[in-house]
Protein backbone atom coordinates (compact mmCIF):
# COMPACT_ATOMS: atom_id res chain seq x y z
CA MET A 1 -32.01 3.47 8.90
CA ARG A 2 -32.11 5.73 5.94
CA ARG A 3 -29.01 5.95 3.70
CA PRO A 4 -27.39 9.37 3.61
CA ARG A 5 -28.11 11.23 0.51
CA LEU A 6 -25.34 12.84 -1.52
CA SER A 7 -25.62 16.47 -2.51
CA PRO A 8 -26.38 17.23 -6.14
CA ILE A 9 -22.73 18.22 -6.79
CA ASN A 10 -21.38 15.00 -5.16
CA ARG A 11 -23.80 12.92 -7.16
CA ARG A 12 -22.50 14.62 -10.28
CA ARG A 13 -18.86 13.94 -9.30
CA TRP A 14 -19.75 10.27 -8.54
CA ALA A 15 -21.62 9.84 -11.89
CA GLN A 16 -18.74 11.43 -13.71
CA PHE A 17 -16.25 9.04 -11.94
CA ARG A 18 -18.18 6.16 -12.94
CA ALA A 19 -18.49 7.36 -16.49
CA ASN A 20 -14.68 7.10 -16.82
CA ARG A 21 -14.69 3.42 -17.47
CA ARG A 22 -10.98 3.10 -17.25
CA GLY A 23 -10.88 4.59 -13.76
CA TRP A 24 -14.05 2.79 -12.58
CA TYR A 25 -12.75 -0.66 -13.56
CA SER A 26 -9.29 0.16 -12.31
CA LEU A 27 -10.81 0.94 -8.89
CA TRP A 28 -12.65 -2.33 -8.66
CA LEU A 29 -9.59 -4.35 -9.90
CA PHE A 30 -7.26 -2.62 -7.42
CA LEU A 31 -9.75 -3.17 -4.52
CA ALA A 32 -10.00 -6.80 -5.56
CA LEU A 33 -6.24 -7.39 -5.67
CA PHE A 34 -5.86 -5.61 -2.32
CA ALA A 35 -8.66 -7.65 -0.81
CA VAL A 36 -7.00 -10.93 -1.86
CA THR A 37 -3.60 -9.95 -0.58
CA LEU A 38 -5.16 -8.99 2.76
CA CYS A 39 -5.94 -12.64 3.15
CA ALA A 40 -2.47 -13.70 2.17
CA GLU A 41 -2.09 -16.19 5.14
CA LEU A 42 -5.16 -18.00 3.77
CA ILE A 43 -3.79 -18.15 0.17
CA ALA A 44 -0.10 -18.69 0.61
CA ASN A 45 1.16 -20.53 3.76
CA ASP A 46 3.26 -23.29 4.85
CA ARG A 47 0.62 -24.41 7.26
CA PRO A 48 -2.60 -26.21 6.57
CA LEU A 49 -5.86 -24.15 6.87
CA PHE A 50 -7.59 -27.01 8.67
CA VAL A 51 -6.38 -30.33 10.10
CA TRP A 52 -8.72 -33.16 11.11
CA TYR A 53 -6.98 -35.64 13.36
CA ASP A 54 -8.43 -38.40 15.46
CA GLY A 55 -11.99 -36.87 15.61
CA ALA A 56 -10.83 -33.32 16.40
CA GLY A 57 -10.39 -30.24 14.21
CA TYR A 58 -7.36 -27.92 14.36
CA PHE A 59 -6.59 -24.63 12.63
CA PRO A 60 -2.82 -24.48 12.16
CA VAL A 61 -2.92 -21.25 10.34
CA LEU A 62 -4.35 -19.56 13.41
CA SER A 63 -2.54 -21.27 16.29
CA ASP A 64 0.65 -23.34 17.09
CA TYR A 65 0.18 -27.03 17.89
CA PRO A 66 3.02 -29.23 19.15
CA GLU A 67 4.14 -32.29 17.21
CA THR A 68 3.03 -34.49 20.05
CA GLU A 69 -0.58 -33.37 19.44
CA PHE A 70 -0.46 -35.51 16.30
CA GLY A 71 1.48 -38.41 17.60
CA GLY A 72 4.81 -37.24 17.28
CA PHE A 73 7.69 -37.19 19.81
CA LEU A 74 8.87 -33.56 19.88
CA PRO A 75 7.01 -30.89 21.99
CA THR A 76 8.03 -28.28 19.46
CA PRO A 77 5.61 -26.71 17.02
CA ALA A 78 4.74 -29.11 14.29
CA ASP A 79 6.28 -28.88 10.79
CA TYR A 80 3.42 -29.80 8.55
CA ARG A 81 5.72 -29.96 5.56
CA ASP A 82 7.80 -32.72 7.19
CA PRO A 83 6.92 -36.03 5.52
CA GLU A 84 6.86 -37.73 8.81
CA VAL A 85 4.41 -35.30 10.44
CA GLY A 86 2.26 -35.52 7.35
CA ALA A 87 2.15 -39.33 7.46
CA LEU A 88 1.21 -39.22 11.12
CA ILE A 89 -1.76 -36.95 10.40
CA GLN A 90 -2.76 -38.91 7.30
CA GLU A 91 -3.01 -42.07 9.40
CA LYS A 92 -6.00 -40.62 11.46
CA GLY A 93 -7.28 -37.68 9.37
CA TRP A 94 -6.45 -35.39 6.67
CA MET A 95 -5.13 -31.75 5.98
CA LEU A 96 -6.65 -28.89 3.90
CA TRP A 97 -3.79 -26.78 2.36
CA PRO A 98 -4.06 -23.29 0.89
CA PRO A 99 -3.79 -22.86 -2.84
CA VAL A 100 -0.11 -21.95 -2.53
CA PRO A 101 1.53 -24.26 0.16
CA TYR A 102 4.40 -21.86 0.76
CA SER A 103 4.80 -18.77 2.83
CA TYR A 104 7.01 -15.82 1.89
CA ASP A 105 9.90 -17.23 3.77
CA THR A 106 9.43 -21.01 3.06
CA ILE A 107 12.30 -22.62 1.40
CA ASN A 108 11.61 -25.42 -1.04
CA TYR A 109 14.34 -28.05 -0.27
CA GLU A 110 12.93 -30.45 -2.80
CA LEU A 111 13.77 -28.49 -5.99
CA GLU A 112 14.84 -30.76 -8.92
CA VAL A 113 17.18 -27.92 -10.25
CA PRO A 114 19.41 -25.45 -8.41
CA ALA A 115 17.66 -22.30 -7.29
CA PRO A 116 16.41 -20.07 -8.78
CA ALA A 117 14.14 -22.77 -10.20
CA PRO A 118 11.98 -22.02 -13.25
CA PRO A 119 8.16 -21.99 -13.05
CA SER A 120 6.58 -25.38 -12.56
CA ALA A 121 3.46 -27.09 -11.26
CA GLU A 122 4.81 -26.83 -7.72
CA ASN A 123 6.05 -23.34 -7.92
CA TRP A 124 3.83 -21.44 -10.39
CA LEU A 125 6.24 -18.50 -10.96
CA GLY A 126 9.40 -20.27 -9.96
CA THR A 127 11.64 -19.67 -6.92
CA ASP A 128 14.13 -16.99 -6.13
CA ASP A 129 17.74 -17.65 -5.56
CA GLN A 130 17.11 -18.87 -2.01
CA GLY A 131 14.40 -21.33 -3.02
CA ARG A 132 11.49 -19.34 -1.89
CA ASP A 133 8.21 -19.34 -3.91
CA VAL A 134 7.86 -16.27 -6.01
CA VAL A 135 4.04 -16.28 -5.91
CA ALA A 136 3.96 -16.29 -2.17
CA ARG A 137 6.57 -13.45 -2.03
CA LEU A 138 4.63 -11.52 -4.58
CA ILE A 139 1.40 -11.72 -2.71
CA TYR A 140 2.93 -10.65 0.57
CA GLY A 141 5.06 -8.01 -1.10
CA PHE A 142 1.91 -6.54 -2.86
CA ARG A 143 0.15 -6.27 0.49
CA ILE A 144 3.22 -4.57 2.23
CA SER A 145 3.56 -2.15 -0.62
CA VAL A 146 -0.14 -1.08 -0.67
CA LEU A 147 -0.46 -0.84 3.15
CA PHE A 148 2.94 1.24 3.13
CA GLY A 149 1.53 3.42 0.38
CA LEU A 150 -1.80 3.87 2.10
CA LEU A 151 -0.27 4.83 5.55
CA LEU A 152 2.37 7.10 4.12
CA THR A 153 -0.25 8.91 1.95
CA LEU A 154 -2.77 9.40 4.77
CA THR A 155 -0.23 10.63 7.34
CA SER A 156 1.63 12.88 4.91
CA SER A 157 -1.65 14.28 3.74
CA VAL A 158 -2.77 15.27 7.11
CA ILE A 159 0.44 17.02 7.86
CA GLY A 160 0.72 18.67 4.39
CA VAL A 161 -2.95 19.88 4.54
CA ALA A 162 -2.52 21.36 7.91
CA ALA A 163 0.71 23.14 7.00
CA GLY A 164 -0.79 24.48 3.72
CA ALA A 165 -3.98 25.56 5.49
CA VAL A 166 -2.07 27.63 8.16
CA GLN A 167 0.16 29.18 5.40
CA GLY A 168 -2.60 30.03 2.99
CA TYR A 169 -5.19 31.33 5.51
CA PHE A 170 -2.92 33.63 7.54
CA GLY A 171 -0.63 34.70 4.78
CA GLY A 172 1.82 37.42 5.37
CA LEU A 173 4.84 36.59 7.45
CA THR A 174 3.48 33.21 8.35
CA ASP A 175 3.31 32.21 4.75
CA LEU A 176 6.73 33.69 3.84
CA LEU A 177 8.50 31.89 6.64
CA GLY A 178 6.67 28.72 6.10
CA GLN A 179 7.65 28.68 2.25
CA ARG A 180 11.34 29.42 3.02
CA ALA A 181 11.44 26.55 5.59
CA ILE A 182 9.67 24.15 3.08
CA GLU A 183 12.16 25.10 0.32
CA ILE A 184 15.07 24.36 2.65
CA TRP A 185 13.54 21.12 3.88
CA SER A 186 12.54 19.97 0.42
CA GLY A 187 16.19 20.50 -0.73
CA LEU A 188 17.65 17.89 1.75
CA PRO A 189 18.74 14.78 0.04
CA ALA A 190 16.27 12.19 1.32
CA LEU A 191 18.12 9.19 0.12
CA TYR A 192 21.42 10.25 1.77
CA VAL A 193 19.54 10.85 5.04
CA ILE A 194 18.09 7.30 4.91
CA ILE A 195 21.49 5.81 4.11
CA ILE A 196 23.01 7.54 7.10
CA LEU A 197 20.15 6.63 9.42
CA SER A 198 20.32 2.96 8.24
CA SER A 199 23.83 2.84 9.76
CA PHE A 200 22.40 3.56 13.17
CA VAL A 201 19.11 1.55 13.17
CA GLN A 202 17.91 -1.48 11.25
CA PRO A 203 15.39 -0.13 8.69
CA GLY A 204 11.93 -1.69 9.05
CA PHE A 205 8.32 -0.90 8.08
CA TRP A 206 7.78 1.68 10.66
CA TRP A 207 11.18 3.28 10.52
CA LEU A 208 10.97 3.63 6.70
CA LEU A 209 7.43 5.12 7.10
CA LEU A 210 8.68 7.66 9.63
CA ILE A 211 11.66 8.59 7.61
CA LEU A 212 9.80 8.95 4.41
CA LEU A 213 7.05 10.89 6.25
CA LEU A 214 9.69 13.57 7.08
CA PHE A 215 10.09 14.30 3.44
CA SER A 216 6.80 13.50 1.75
CA TRP A 217 4.42 15.72 3.60
CA THR A 218 5.47 18.80 1.50
CA GLN A 219 3.79 17.34 -1.64
CA LEU A 220 0.38 18.80 -0.78
CA VAL A 221 1.40 21.92 0.85
CA GLY A 222 1.44 23.99 -2.35
CA VAL A 223 -1.93 22.84 -3.54
CA VAL A 224 -3.72 23.43 -0.23
CA ARG A 225 -1.82 26.82 0.28
CA ALA A 226 -2.94 28.09 -3.20
CA GLU A 227 -6.61 27.04 -2.45
CA PHE A 228 -6.63 28.94 0.90
CA LEU A 229 -4.95 32.06 -0.68
CA ARG A 230 -7.76 32.08 -3.18
CA VAL A 231 -10.66 31.37 -0.88
CA ARG A 232 -9.77 33.39 2.27
CA ASN A 233 -10.83 36.67 0.69
CA PHE A 234 -14.24 35.44 -0.48
CA ASP A 235 -17.28 37.21 0.93
CA TYR A 236 -18.53 34.31 3.03
CA VAL A 237 -15.08 34.09 4.80
CA LYS A 238 -15.13 37.77 5.50
CA ALA A 239 -18.67 37.51 6.79
CA ALA A 240 -17.76 34.74 9.10
CA ARG A 241 -14.87 36.79 10.43
CA ALA A 242 -17.26 39.76 10.98
CA LEU A 243 -19.54 37.64 13.05
CA GLY A 244 -16.74 36.68 15.30
CA VAL A 245 -16.28 33.03 14.21
CA SER A 246 -12.92 31.78 15.30
CA ASP A 247 -10.04 31.21 12.70
CA GLY A 248 -10.15 27.46 13.49
CA VAL A 249 -13.81 27.11 12.76
CA ILE A 250 -13.40 29.15 9.47
CA ILE A 251 -10.52 26.91 8.41
CA ALA A 252 -12.16 23.64 9.21
CA ARG A 253 -15.74 24.34 8.19
CA HIS A 254 -15.64 27.01 5.42
CA VAL A 255 -12.30 26.82 3.66
CA LEU A 256 -10.97 23.29 4.15
CA PRO A 257 -13.85 21.61 2.19
CA ASN A 258 -12.92 23.54 -0.89
CA ALA A 259 -9.20 22.68 -0.58
CA MET A 260 -10.00 19.03 0.01
CA VAL A 261 -11.29 18.79 -3.57
CA ALA A 262 -7.89 19.42 -5.06
CA THR A 263 -6.27 17.32 -2.34
CA ILE A 264 -8.42 14.23 -3.04
CA THR A 265 -7.45 14.27 -6.80
CA PHE A 266 -3.81 14.16 -5.86
CA LEU A 267 -4.01 11.31 -3.35
CA PRO A 268 -3.68 8.44 -5.87
CA PHE A 269 -0.61 10.04 -7.39
CA VAL A 270 0.89 10.68 -3.90
CA MET A 271 0.32 6.92 -3.11
CA THR A 272 2.06 5.95 -6.44
CA GLY A 273 5.13 7.96 -5.32
CA ALA A 274 5.05 6.35 -1.89
CA ILE A 275 5.04 2.82 -3.34
CA THR A 276 7.68 3.71 -5.75
CA ALA A 277 9.97 5.08 -3.05
CA LEU A 278 9.60 1.90 -0.99
CA THR A 279 10.34 -0.17 -4.03
CA SER A 280 13.41 1.88 -4.79
CA LEU A 281 14.81 1.71 -1.40
CA ASP A 282 14.31 -2.07 -1.29
CA PHE A 283 16.09 -2.42 -4.66
CA LEU A 284 19.00 -0.44 -3.39
CA GLY A 285 19.12 -2.41 -0.19
CA PHE A 286 18.17 0.39 2.22
CA GLY A 287 14.47 -0.77 2.63
CA MET A 288 12.81 -3.64 4.42
CA PRO A 289 14.96 -6.05 6.60
CA PRO A 290 16.53 -9.00 4.65
CA GLY A 291 14.09 -11.71 4.01
CA ALA A 292 11.00 -9.57 4.13
CA PRO A 293 8.69 -9.93 1.11
CA SER A 294 9.34 -6.96 -1.11
CA LEU A 295 8.75 -6.08 -4.80
CA GLY A 296 11.98 -4.06 -4.85
CA GLU A 297 14.00 -7.07 -3.46
CA LEU A 298 12.41 -9.22 -6.12
CA LEU A 299 13.62 -6.63 -8.78
CA ALA A 300 17.10 -6.79 -7.20
CA GLN A 301 17.07 -10.52 -7.52
CA GLY A 302 16.07 -10.33 -11.20
CA LYS A 303 18.83 -7.97 -11.76
CA ALA A 304 21.32 -10.21 -10.04
CA ASN A 305 20.09 -13.38 -11.75
CA LEU A 306 19.69 -12.53 -15.48
CA GLN A 307 19.54 -16.29 -16.15
CA ALA A 308 16.16 -16.37 -14.31
CA PRO A 309 14.12 -13.84 -16.33
CA TRP A 310 10.86 -14.86 -14.40
CA LEU A 311 12.06 -12.89 -11.37
CA GLY A 312 12.41 -9.55 -12.98
CA ILE A 313 9.34 -10.10 -15.30
CA THR A 314 7.22 -10.96 -12.36
CA ALA A 315 8.19 -7.90 -10.26
CA PHE A 316 7.97 -5.62 -13.25
CA VAL A 317 4.50 -6.78 -14.23
CA ALA A 318 3.29 -6.42 -10.69
CA LEU A 319 4.53 -2.93 -10.36
CA ALA A 320 3.32 -1.85 -13.70
CA VAL A 321 -0.20 -3.19 -12.99
CA MET A 322 -0.36 -1.75 -9.50
CA LEU A 323 0.95 1.70 -10.45
CA SER A 324 -1.03 1.95 -13.73
CA LEU A 325 -4.27 1.12 -11.80
CA LEU A 326 -3.57 3.90 -9.36
CA VAL A 327 -2.77 6.40 -12.13
CA PHE A 328 -6.08 5.48 -13.90
CA ILE A 329 -7.96 5.90 -10.66
CA GLY A 330 -6.23 9.28 -10.09
CA GLU A 331 -7.11 10.47 -13.52
CA ALA A 332 -10.80 9.58 -13.07
CA ALA A 333 -10.86 11.32 -9.71
CA ARG A 334 -9.21 14.38 -11.27
CA ASP A 335 -11.80 14.56 -14.10
CA ALA A 336 -14.68 13.87 -11.59
CA PHE A 337 -13.71 16.96 -9.38
CA ASP A 338 -12.93 19.13 -12.44
CA PRO A 339 -15.91 21.65 -12.80
CA ARG A 340 -15.06 22.18 -16.40
CA LYS A 341 -15.74 18.56 -17.20
CA THR A 342 -19.34 17.38 -18.11
CA LEU A 343 -20.73 14.05 -18.70
CA GLN A 344 -21.61 13.11 -22.25
CA GLY A 345 -25.34 13.21 -22.49
CA GLY A 346 -25.76 14.85 -19.12
CA VAL A 347 -26.22 13.61 -15.59
CA HIS A 348 -29.57 12.58 -14.35
CA GLY A 349 -30.24 13.10 -10.65
């Protein structure tokens, strides 16, 4: 099967993106970090990855096994961190643990000092004020933040692009009424609405996504609307109308590709805002449910435990790295799609 060939202009954009070394390396570093956190259960877990017992193999990270399976007395799921269960398995086999033998909600009851405990060989970045491993919560929190940002960015972009396309293409009264409605909607205090709604329902991942989606879709409307207002009077659009092509086909096939150029350059910055919004809500206590891994909750713990600086420093560094990488990627994409930019030394097809 032949690989699809890029058009000359897309090859130029790709080459220009790669020429921005900061953005290019930031993209690969961000993808690597995201790929690692996607496998969080294989990196940080309070269950072994593999157990060999009495000539049989088990995968506790994928399935629950009763304690009786390993010679115990209780039919409940085995607690592999229990010294007695570990001794039973070691008699007839062995266990392979992940690099971080803690999940995001695992409490270390064997701390030598009161929680929050400082970094040690057992807990590389220490523990929080409940005795939970900071590295495990950082890995899971990073994954939730990125997934939340991706979903919010994609869904809000679809709605915003559609609204901007309708306003910009039809113009007139449609554009006027749409702009007034967006101005009123954008003036609503999103934080107060979330606080009010949180008194009726328990905020969670999907509830927060839905609530923030109600206010974030307006970010791309102005960009898409301006592009449609500019392009709708071009000759090829007028020719398509004269040939009887429907408005839907003209929007999707002839005008939207031009608007998507400006939209794509904004996506990393929209995602940055989405992650920041989730972190802010978690920090204020209106975000994810209590106990859920969250970078904002880790920041709040750092604020509440000034005697444990590793909490605040860990959350700050993680957020700074994540958001900086996204900004660098966005800057590289913006330069790649900017027709005024040229590569030093030219681009060879």
